[in-house]
Amino acid sequence: MKKHQTLIWITLFAISMGIFEGAVVVYIRALYYPEGFNFPLKLMSNQVAATELIREFASLVMLLSVGVIAGKNFSQRLAWFIYSFAVWDIIYYVFLFLILAWPENLFTWDILFLLPVTWTGPVIAPVIISILMIVLAMVLYSHNLKSDFKTKLVQKEWFILIVGSIIVFISFIWDYCKFIVQNYEKIGDNEQVISTKIYNLSFQYIPDRFPWLIFILGVIIIGAGIFLVNQRNKKSATS
């Protein structure tokens, strides 16, 4: 396969997957939000909620599988995984906007993910992270095009990227977890009852405030990690 054919096919796969993902949401909103999506979320049956969790996990497995199949080494597999994930996420929002005229703007709140807890935030936040993921993927991809050089992440770069990612993750779950903690006294002491009531309580959640300072800190750290990866591998390639 020619050097850019893999990029083209993975891009097409990620675009198609973003459309499929968006189509599922169109169906869900037609059933549960005929008047238009808004918080709080509509209470779903346990079966539908479990199906959504399984679907999200299966989506991650699909994206990871593409990376593993397409890559020839760890850095290439990582690059293809994060690239396909990012393109998928951006196309998902583009598709919803074209079909539903949603989101109204980039600061519209959305449910971003459900594993391991609910992630929420304005649409612009995951788009920014997706752009960073594409940039990192292209850094790894461009250096790996050199037949005599294999891009890799060293321990310091891994540490910086992971710390930045954890901080961004915290920003996405911050508002939801704050709501659960603040309303924890409404939940009983029985363990089974607690899990059921937390589930029901999540359908009363209305986003309040996104922790921009935490998010921006995470973005800066990730950006610094990407810069270090690019600079070090440039030097290694020319030495």
Protein backbone atom coordinates (compact mmCIF):
# COMPACT_ATOMS: atom_id res chain seq x y z
CA MET A 1 0.00 0.00 0.00
CA LYS A 2 1.37 3.43 -0.96
CA LYS A 3 2.42 5.65 1.91
CA HIS A 4 -0.68 7.90 1.96
CA GLN A 5 -3.29 5.25 1.13
CA THR A 6 -3.54 4.15 4.75
CA LEU A 7 -4.22 7.76 5.79
CA ILE A 8 -6.94 8.09 3.16
CA TRP A 9 -8.70 4.84 4.07
CA ILE A 10 -8.56 5.46 7.82
CA THR A 11 -9.93 8.95 7.25
CA LEU A 12 -12.81 7.49 5.24
CA PHE A 13 -13.43 4.91 7.96
CA ALA A 14 -13.48 7.57 10.70
CA ILE A 15 -15.81 9.80 8.66
CA SER A 16 -18.17 6.87 8.04
CA MET A 17 -18.12 5.91 11.70
CA GLY A 18 -18.86 9.49 12.73
CA ILE A 19 -21.89 9.45 10.44
CA PHE A 20 -23.07 6.11 11.87
CA GLU A 21 -22.64 7.43 15.40
CA GLY A 22 -24.52 10.58 14.53
CA ALA A 23 -27.32 8.55 12.92
CA VAL A 24 -27.82 6.61 16.16
CA VAL A 25 -28.14 9.88 18.06
CA VAL A 26 -30.65 11.18 15.50
CA TYR A 27 -32.81 8.11 16.16
CA ILE A 28 -32.47 8.44 19.94
CA ARG A 29 -33.42 12.11 19.87
CA ALA A 30 -36.41 11.40 17.63
CA LEU A 31 -37.64 8.93 20.26
CA TYR A 32 -36.76 10.76 23.46
CA TYR A 33 -36.33 14.42 22.45
CA PRO A 34 -38.84 15.18 19.66
CA GLU A 35 -38.98 18.77 20.90
CA GLY A 36 -35.18 19.10 20.72
CA PHE A 37 -32.32 17.90 22.92
CA ASN A 38 -31.86 19.58 26.27
CA PHE A 39 -30.96 18.85 29.88
CA PRO A 40 -32.00 17.17 32.09
CA LEU A 41 -31.79 13.90 30.20
CA LYS A 42 -34.96 11.91 29.66
CA LEU A 43 -35.17 8.79 31.80
CA MET A 44 -34.36 5.72 29.71
CA SER A 45 -35.11 2.10 30.41
CA ASN A 46 -32.30 0.02 31.90
CA GLN A 47 -32.14 -1.92 28.65
CA VAL A 48 -31.61 1.18 26.49
CA ALA A 49 -29.09 2.66 28.94
CA ALA A 50 -27.11 -0.59 29.03
CA THR A 51 -27.18 -0.74 25.23
CA GLU A 52 -25.73 2.78 25.05
CA LEU A 53 -22.85 1.81 27.34
CA ILE A 54 -22.13 -1.29 25.29
CA ARG A 55 -22.27 0.73 22.06
CA GLU A 56 -19.75 3.25 23.38
CA PHE A 57 -17.38 0.49 24.47
CA ALA A 58 -17.76 -1.24 21.09
CA SER A 59 -16.95 2.05 19.33
CA LEU A 60 -13.66 2.30 21.25
CA VAL A 61 -12.81 -1.29 20.34
CA MET A 62 -13.50 -0.57 16.66
CA LEU A 63 -11.23 2.49 16.66
CA LEU A 64 -8.51 0.65 18.55
CA SER A 65 -8.75 -2.28 16.14
CA VAL A 66 -8.17 0.00 13.15
CA GLY A 67 -5.07 1.42 14.81
CA VAL A 68 -3.67 -2.03 15.60
CA ILE A 69 -4.32 -3.33 12.07
CA ALA A 70 -2.96 -0.26 10.26
CA GLY A 71 0.13 0.38 12.38
CA LYS A 72 3.44 -1.43 12.03
CA ASN A 73 4.77 -0.39 15.44
CA PHE A 74 3.39 1.03 18.67
CA SER A 75 3.73 4.69 17.72
CA GLN A 76 2.00 4.12 14.39
CA ARG A 77 -0.84 2.21 16.09
CA LEU A 78 -1.22 5.02 18.62
CA ALA A 79 -1.22 7.60 15.84
CA TRP A 80 -3.91 5.81 13.83
CA PHE A 81 -6.07 5.25 16.92
CA ILE A 82 -6.07 8.85 18.12
CA TYR A 83 -6.41 10.16 14.55
CA SER A 84 -9.46 8.01 13.78
CA PHE A 85 -10.97 8.87 17.18
CA ALA A 86 -10.55 12.60 16.58
CA VAL A 87 -11.91 12.58 13.02
CA TRP A 88 -14.85 10.44 14.17
CA ASP A 89 -15.68 12.91 16.94
CA ILE A 90 -15.54 15.99 14.72
CA ILE A 91 -17.59 14.39 11.92
CA TYR A 92 -20.16 13.30 14.51
CA TYR A 93 -20.89 16.94 15.37
CA VAL A 94 -20.79 18.04 11.73
CA PHE A 95 -23.36 15.36 10.85
CA LEU A 96 -25.67 16.33 13.73
CA PHE A 97 -25.47 19.98 12.71
CA LEU A 98 -26.35 19.15 9.09
CA ILE A 99 -29.27 16.88 10.05
CA LEU A 100 -30.63 18.47 13.24
CA ALA A 101 -29.13 21.99 13.13
CA TRP A 102 -27.56 21.05 16.48
CA PRO A 103 -25.45 22.17 18.27
CA GLU A 104 -26.73 25.71 18.06
CA ASN A 105 -23.18 26.94 18.66
CA LEU A 106 -19.82 25.62 19.85
CA PHE A 107 -20.67 26.43 23.46
CA THR A 108 -23.77 24.23 23.54
CA TRP A 109 -23.49 21.60 26.29
CA ASP A 110 -23.46 17.93 25.37
CA ILE A 111 -23.09 14.50 26.89
CA LEU A 112 -19.61 13.56 25.70
CA PHE A 113 -19.20 10.05 27.09
CA LEU A 114 -20.70 7.71 29.65
CA LEU A 115 -17.71 5.58 30.72
CA PRO A 116 -16.70 5.29 33.53
CA VAL A 117 -19.00 8.15 34.59
CA THR A 118 -20.88 10.83 32.65
CA TRP A 119 -18.69 13.34 30.78
CA THR A 120 -20.21 16.71 29.89
CA GLY A 121 -19.01 19.96 28.42
CA PRO A 122 -19.53 22.54 25.69
CA VAL A 123 -19.03 21.12 22.20
CA ILE A 124 -15.96 23.26 21.59
CA ALA A 125 -14.06 21.42 24.33
CA PRO A 126 -13.99 17.93 22.72
CA VAL A 127 -13.38 19.58 19.32
CA ILE A 128 -10.26 21.27 20.73
CA ILE A 129 -9.05 17.94 22.12
CA SER A 130 -9.78 16.24 18.80
CA ILE A 131 -7.65 18.84 17.00
CA LEU A 132 -4.80 18.21 19.45
CA MET A 133 -5.13 14.47 18.84
CA ILE A 134 -4.93 15.00 15.08
CA VAL A 135 -1.84 17.18 15.50
CA LEU A 136 -0.11 14.54 17.65
CA ALA A 137 -1.10 11.81 15.18
CA MET A 138 0.31 13.81 12.28
CA VAL A 139 3.57 14.43 14.18
CA LEU A 140 3.97 10.69 14.72
CA TYR A 141 2.82 9.90 11.17
CA SER A 142 5.10 12.41 9.44
CA HIS A 143 8.21 11.22 11.26
CA ASN A 144 7.32 7.57 10.64
CA LEU A 145 7.25 8.25 6.88
CA LYS A 146 11.05 8.29 7.06
CA SER A 147 12.08 4.72 6.36
CA ASP A 148 15.24 5.00 8.42
CA PHE A 149 13.59 6.53 11.48
CA LYS A 150 10.87 5.35 13.84
CA THR A 151 9.09 7.92 15.97
CA LYS A 152 8.53 7.00 19.58
CA LEU A 153 7.51 8.62 22.82
CA VAL A 154 10.02 8.71 25.64
CA GLN A 155 9.09 8.45 29.31
CA LYS A 156 9.01 12.21 29.93
CA GLU A 157 6.71 12.78 26.95
CA TRP A 158 4.39 9.98 28.04
CA PHE A 159 4.22 11.51 31.52
CA ILE A 160 3.37 14.99 30.21
CA LEU A 161 0.72 13.73 27.77
CA ILE A 162 -0.88 11.45 30.36
CA VAL A 163 -0.96 14.18 33.03
CA GLY A 164 -2.53 16.60 30.56
CA SER A 165 -5.09 13.99 29.52
CA ILE A 166 -6.02 13.25 33.14
CA ILE A 167 -6.54 16.96 33.82
CA VAL A 168 -8.78 17.27 30.74
CA PHE A 169 -10.71 14.18 31.85
CA ILE A 170 -11.24 15.77 35.27
CA SER A 171 -12.60 18.92 33.60
CA PHE A 172 -15.14 16.83 31.66
CA ILE A 173 -16.49 15.01 34.72
CA TRP A 174 -16.13 17.89 37.18
CA ASP A 175 -19.58 19.44 36.91
CA TYR A 176 -21.44 16.12 36.86
CA CYS A 177 -19.52 14.70 39.84
CA LYS A 178 -20.05 17.96 41.76
CA PHE A 179 -23.79 17.59 41.19
CA ILE A 180 -23.80 13.97 42.42
CA VAL A 181 -21.76 14.83 45.52
CA GLN A 182 -23.97 17.80 46.37
CA ASN A 183 -27.07 15.61 46.13
CA TYR A 184 -25.53 12.56 47.79
CA GLU A 185 -27.55 13.07 50.97
CA LYS A 186 -30.66 12.19 48.98
CA ILE A 187 -29.31 8.68 48.48
CA GLY A 188 -29.90 5.87 50.98
CA ASP A 189 -27.33 3.68 52.72
CA ASN A 190 -28.14 0.37 51.07
CA GLU A 191 -25.51 -0.32 48.36
CA GLN A 192 -28.00 -1.60 45.80
CA VAL A 193 -30.34 1.30 46.48
CA ILE A 194 -27.44 3.77 46.17
CA SER A 195 -26.52 2.56 42.69
CA THR A 196 -30.13 2.74 41.57
CA LYS A 197 -30.66 6.21 43.02
CA ILE A 198 -27.42 7.53 41.53
CA TYR A 199 -28.68 6.31 38.17
CA ASN A 200 -31.99 8.09 38.66
CA LEU A 201 -30.25 11.18 40.04
CA SER A 202 -28.15 11.45 36.88
CA PHE A 203 -31.35 12.15 34.95
CA GLN A 204 -31.93 15.24 37.10
CA TYR A 205 -28.52 16.71 36.24
CA ILE A 206 -28.46 20.06 34.47
CA PRO A 207 -24.98 21.42 33.56
CA ASP A 208 -24.00 24.42 35.62
CA ARG A 209 -20.48 25.61 34.88
CA PHE A 210 -17.60 24.18 32.87
CA PRO A 211 -14.21 24.39 34.65
CA TRP A 212 -12.39 26.25 31.90
CA LEU A 213 -9.24 26.86 33.95
CA ILE A 214 -8.78 23.14 34.57
CA PHE A 215 -9.50 22.35 30.91
CA ILE A 216 -7.13 25.02 29.57
CA LEU A 217 -4.39 23.81 31.91
CA GLY A 218 -4.79 20.29 30.53
CA VAL A 219 -4.76 21.59 26.93
CA ILE A 220 -1.56 23.57 27.55
CA ILE A 221 0.17 20.54 29.07
CA ILE A 222 -0.89 18.29 26.18
CA GLY A 223 0.25 20.94 23.69
CA ALA A 224 3.61 21.14 25.44
CA GLY A 225 3.94 17.36 25.25
CA ILE A 226 3.21 17.37 21.50
CA PHE A 227 5.78 20.15 21.00
CA LEU A 228 8.43 18.16 22.86
CA VAL A 229 7.68 15.02 20.84
CA ASN A 230 8.03 16.92 17.58
CA GLN A 231 11.19 18.76 18.56
CA ARG A 232 13.00 15.71 19.92
CA ASN A 233 12.16 13.55 16.94
CA LYS A 234 13.26 16.30 14.55
CA LYS A 235 16.64 16.36 16.26
CA SER A 236 16.86 12.56 16.30
CA ALA A 237 16.04 12.36 12.59
CA THR A 238 18.80 14.84 11.64
CA SER A 239 21.47 13.49 13.98
